[in-house]
C-alpha atoms as a PDB file:
ATOM      1  CA  MET A   1      41.755  82.322 102.366  1.00  0.00           C
ATOM      2  CA  ARG A   2      44.024  80.405 100.051  1.00  0.00           C
ATOM      3  CA  VAL A   3      45.873  80.833  96.767  1.00  0.00           C
ATOM      4  CA  LYS A   4      43.795  78.962  94.219  1.00  0.00           C
ATOM      5  CA  LYS A   5      46.094  79.651  91.253  1.00  0.00           C
ATOM      6  CA  LEU A   6      49.546  81.186  91.000  1.00  0.00           C
ATOM      7  CA  GLY A   7      50.346  82.408  87.502  1.00  0.00           C
ATOM      8  CA  LYS A   8      53.297  84.288  86.015  1.00  0.00           C
ATOM      9  CA  SER A   9      51.917  87.761  86.800  1.00  0.00           C
ATOM     10  CA  SER A  10      48.652  87.041  88.607  1.00  0.00           C
ATOM     11  CA  VAL A  11      47.337  85.355  91.732  1.00  0.00           C
ATOM     12  CA  THR A  12      43.808  84.004  92.190  1.00  0.00           C
ATOM     13  CA  TYR A  13      42.735  84.067  95.826  1.00  0.00           C
ATOM     14  CA  GLU A  14      39.764  82.084  97.135  1.00  0.00           C
ATOM     15  CA  THR A  15      37.931  82.975 100.324  1.00  0.00           C
ATOM     16  CA  ALA A  16      35.257  81.159 102.299  1.00  0.00           C
ATOM     17  CA  VAL A  17      32.851  82.164 105.029  1.00  0.00           C
ATOM     18  CA  PHE A  18      31.986  79.680 107.777  1.00  0.00           C
ATOM     19  CA  GLU A  19      29.475  79.845 110.613  1.00  0.00           C
ATOM     20  CA  GLN A  20      30.836  79.055 114.038  1.00  0.00           C
ATOM     21  CA  GLY A  21      29.902  75.510 115.020  1.00  0.00           C
ATOM     22  CA  VAL A  22      28.808  74.531 111.475  1.00  0.00           C
ATOM     23  CA  ASP A  23      31.019  72.406 109.202  1.00  0.00           C
ATOM     24  CA  GLU A  24      29.519  73.500 105.880  1.00  0.00           C
ATOM     25  CA  VAL A  25      30.779  76.519 103.986  1.00  0.00           C
ATOM     26  CA  ARG A  26      28.257  79.384 103.891  1.00  0.00           C
ATOM     27  CA  ALA A  27      29.763  81.393 101.024  1.00  0.00           C
ATOM     28  CA  VAL A  28      32.748  81.205  98.665  1.00  0.00           C
ATOM     29  CA  GLY A  29      34.316  83.971  96.617  1.00  0.00           C
ATOM     30  CA  GLU A  30      37.460  84.642  94.656  1.00  0.00           C
ATOM     31  CA  PHE A  31      39.407  87.552  93.294  1.00  0.00           C
ATOM     32  CA  VAL A  32      42.368  87.963  90.959  1.00  0.00           C
ATOM     33  CA  HIS A  33      45.345  90.222  91.662  1.00  0.00           C
ATOM     34  CA  VAL A  34      47.402  91.051  88.563  1.00  0.00           C
ATOM     35  CA  TYR A  35      50.855  92.524  89.101  1.00  0.00           C
ATOM     36  CA  VAL A  36      51.181  95.382  86.599  1.00  0.00           C
ATOM     37  CA  GLU A  37      53.751  97.996  85.680  1.00  0.00           C
ATOM     38  CA  ARG A  38      52.941 101.379  87.140  1.00  0.00           C
ATOM     39  CA  GLU A  39      53.358 103.377  83.900  1.00  0.00           C
ATOM     40  CA  GLY A  40      51.805 101.169  81.236  1.00  0.00           C
ATOM     41  CA  ARG A  41      49.334  99.413  83.551  1.00  0.00           C
ATOM     42  CA  ARG A  42      50.052  96.168  81.731  1.00  0.00           C
ATOM     43  CA  PRO A  43      51.091  92.866  83.326  1.00  0.00           C
ATOM     44  CA  ALA A  44      54.711  93.058  84.404  1.00  0.00           C
ATOM     45  CA  PRO A  45      56.874  91.182  81.843  1.00  0.00           C
ATOM     46  CA  GLU A  46      59.043  89.727  84.641  1.00  0.00           C
ATOM     47  CA  GLY A  47      55.901  88.588  86.431  1.00  0.00           C
ATOM     48  CA  ILE A  48      55.712  88.204  90.188  1.00  0.00           C
ATOM     49  CA  THR A  49      58.996  88.814  92.006  1.00  0.00           C
ATOM     50  CA  GLU A  50      60.806  85.725  93.300  1.00  0.00           C
ATOM     51  CA  GLY A  51      60.375  86.756  96.932  1.00  0.00           C
ATOM     52  CA  MET A  52      56.629  87.269  96.506  1.00  0.00           C
ATOM     53  CA  ARG A  53      56.292  83.979  94.641  1.00  0.00           C
ATOM     54  CA  VAL A  54      58.036  82.060  97.451  1.00  0.00           C
ATOM     55  CA  ALA A  55      55.712  83.658 100.028  1.00  0.00           C
ATOM     56  CA  LEU A  56      52.562  82.959  97.944  1.00  0.00           C
ATOM     57  CA  GLU A  57      53.530  79.345  97.303  1.00  0.00           C
ATOM     58  CA  THR A  58      53.094  78.672 101.022  1.00  0.00           C
ATOM     59  CA  LEU A  59      49.382  79.527 100.592  1.00  0.00           C
ATOM     60  CA  VAL A  60      48.751  77.361  97.530  1.00  0.00           C
ATOM     61  CA  GLN A  61      46.326  74.494  98.203  1.00  0.00           C
ATOM     62  CA  LYS A  62      46.013  71.667  95.693  1.00  0.00           C
ATOM     63  CA  GLN A  63      42.901  70.158  97.317  1.00  0.00           C
ATOM     64  CA  SER A  64      40.018  72.189  98.626  1.00  0.00           C
ATOM     65  CA  LYS A  65      37.476  71.394 101.300  1.00  0.00           C
ATOM     66  CA  LEU A  66      35.156  73.887  99.644  1.00  0.00           C
END
């Protein structure tokens, strides 16, 4: 799993499935997590918290083997 895109209030994660002993990727998928306000269920105006952003930046990959 990696962070494909890190936006102001959303994160796009990419996942891959591999078969043991095989170099090729068998399946790829992605999902988007949007950080929203609890009451209005709209994207949080302040976006992702600084602490969360720092942690997620360690998972960002510019180049993909997929």
